[in-house]
Amino acid sequence: MVESIKQNFERLIALYEGEKQKNAQLASQLEEYRAAVQSSEQQITDLKRQIENLKLAGAFTGNGGSSAVAKEKIDKLIREIDKCISFLEK
């Protein structure tokens, strides 16, 4: 009886250790995936910025852009510059 309980207890400990190892592996995998997602999000942000820059450059060169888009972008940049200047003056 005691031997049976001891064997069951040892088996339970072995199962626990196996699940603990599996949990650690999954946690490591999750961190890898999170890092990959963050990298992808940064790449998406960079690509969107490049698209905007290309659209703006196209508006100035006349390659498919409109002067209204160029004016809007310039106005936005001027507002950002004014905001930075006001922060510097404080």
Protein backbone atom coordinates (compact mmCIF):
# COMPACT_ATOMS: atom_id res chain seq x y z
CA MET A 1 0.00 0.00 0.00
CA VAL A 2 2.70 2.47 1.03
CA GLU A 3 4.83 1.39 -1.94
CA SER A 4 1.90 2.02 -4.30
CA ILE A 5 1.38 5.50 -2.88
CA LYS A 6 5.10 6.18 -3.20
CA GLN A 7 5.09 5.09 -6.86
CA ASN A 8 2.03 7.22 -7.61
CA PHE A 9 3.65 10.19 -5.90
CA GLU A 10 6.87 9.75 -7.89
CA ARG A 11 4.87 9.45 -11.12
CA LEU A 12 2.97 12.61 -10.21
CA ILE A 13 6.23 14.46 -9.58
CA ALA A 14 7.61 13.27 -12.93
CA LEU A 15 4.45 14.45 -14.71
CA TYR A 16 4.69 17.79 -12.92
CA GLU A 17 8.31 18.25 -13.97
CA GLY A 18 7.42 17.38 -17.57
CA GLU A 19 4.61 19.94 -17.61
CA LYS A 20 6.89 22.50 -15.98
CA GLN A 21 9.45 21.99 -18.76
CA LYS A 22 6.76 22.24 -21.42
CA ASN A 23 5.51 25.46 -19.83
CA ALA A 24 9.01 26.94 -19.91
CA GLN A 25 9.38 26.02 -23.59
CA LEU A 26 6.02 27.60 -24.41
CA ALA A 27 6.93 30.75 -22.48
CA SER A 28 10.17 30.99 -24.45
CA GLN A 29 8.30 30.48 -27.71
CA LEU A 30 5.79 33.15 -26.74
CA GLU A 31 8.59 35.66 -26.13
CA GLU A 32 10.08 34.84 -29.53
CA TYR A 33 6.72 35.40 -31.19
CA ARG A 34 6.19 38.66 -29.32
CA ALA A 35 9.60 39.88 -30.48
CA ALA A 36 8.74 38.88 -34.06
CA VAL A 37 5.42 40.73 -33.87
CA GLN A 38 7.11 43.83 -32.50
CA SER A 39 9.71 43.69 -35.26
CA SER A 40 6.97 43.31 -37.87
CA GLU A 41 5.01 46.22 -36.43
CA GLN A 42 8.13 48.39 -36.56
CA GLN A 43 8.73 47.34 -40.16
CA ILE A 44 5.12 48.21 -41.03
CA THR A 45 5.53 51.63 -39.43
CA ASP A 46 8.75 52.23 -41.35
CA LEU A 47 7.14 51.16 -44.62
CA LYS A 48 4.14 53.44 -44.04
CA ARG A 49 6.54 56.32 -43.40
CA GLN A 50 8.38 55.50 -46.64
CA ILE A 51 5.08 55.44 -48.55
CA GLU A 52 4.17 58.87 -47.18
CA ASN A 53 7.60 60.21 -48.12
CA LEU A 54 7.27 58.79 -51.62
CA LYS A 55 3.80 60.31 -51.99
CA LEU A 56 5.14 63.67 -50.87
CA ALA A 57 8.12 63.42 -53.22
CA GLY A 58 5.75 62.46 -56.04
CA ALA A 59 3.59 65.49 -55.32
CA PHE A 60 6.60 67.77 -55.71
CA THR A 61 7.86 66.12 -58.87
CA GLY A 62 4.44 65.78 -60.45
CA ASN A 63 4.50 61.99 -60.54
CA GLY A 64 0.93 61.17 -59.68
CA GLY A 65 0.73 63.43 -56.63
CA SER A 66 -1.45 66.46 -56.32
CA SER A 67 -0.43 69.86 -55.10
CA ALA A 68 -3.21 69.69 -52.50
CA VAL A 69 -1.56 66.65 -50.93
CA ALA A 70 1.81 68.39 -50.98
CA LYS A 71 0.34 71.51 -49.38
CA GLU A 72 -1.34 69.42 -46.69
CA LYS A 73 1.92 67.63 -45.88
CA ILE A 74 3.87 70.88 -45.77
CA ASP A 75 1.26 72.45 -43.49
CA LYS A 76 1.47 69.45 -41.17
CA LEU A 77 5.27 69.67 -41.07
CA ILE A 78 5.11 73.40 -40.34
CA ARG A 79 2.69 72.78 -37.46
CA GLU A 80 5.02 70.16 -36.02
CA ILE A 81 8.01 72.52 -36.33
CA ASP A 82 6.03 75.32 -34.65
CA LYS A 83 5.09 72.96 -31.85
CA CYS A 84 8.75 72.01 -31.33
CA ILE A 85 9.78 75.66 -31.30
CA SER A 86 7.14 76.47 -28.69
CA PHE A 87 8.43 73.60 -26.52
CA LEU A 88 11.97 74.94 -26.83
CA GLU A 89 10.88 78.43 -25.79
CA LYS A 90 9.40 77.14 -22.51
